Amino acid sequence: MSFFGESIRNLKTVGTFTRSSHQLCRGAIKHVNFETAQYIVELGAGDGVITEHILNSLRPDARLIIFEVNPKFCHILRDIHDDRLIVIEDSAEKIDFYLEKHQFPRVDYIISAIPFVVVPEKEAFTIVEACKSALEIGGKFIQVHYSLVLRKMYAKVFGNVAVNFVLINLPPAWVLVSIK
């Protein structure tokens, strides 16, 4: 209920009324090779439902930085006690600053649930381009969406985008994957 209440109050930054289903979380992280991943970033972590799936698969020596702008969700995220996790209560636009601050030399995967359809177009492009810049060659940008309206943005920035549909979620969702 707290997720629903927070989404009602802040739909523009939360982007949905319901938490991601187990199937959607699995659909997002299935594109990650956890055997080799050392540095992962999650954008728009919400209350941590995808974060928990990442941490359950993450190697003991790997690290995860998550970005969330909602203070209530950040409070929940900080209650996840895991030494591999760094919670950033700030905009993903500042990804470069925080990667340098926390000594992430490169990023293998970026998993995003930012509701870009409600983000101003210029800001959305800035964030996605910063993500591309932060990724290692061959790294993947994985975006959860509830429509395909912005598919062309990822194709324009990365030059490629694969679309995966997840039916068992409310609402049904797409996972878009681009490779640098």
Foldseek 3Di string as FASTA:
>chain_A
DVQQVVCVVCVLFQVDNDDWDPLVLCVQCVVDDQVPFAEEEEENCFLPPSVVVCVVSHDLNHAYEYEHQDPVSLVNVVVPDHPRYHYHNDHLLCVVVVCVVVVPQAGQEYEYAGACVSPPPVVSLSNLLVNVVRHDQFHKYKYKYADCPCVVSLCVNQVDKDWDWAVPTVHTIIIIMGGD
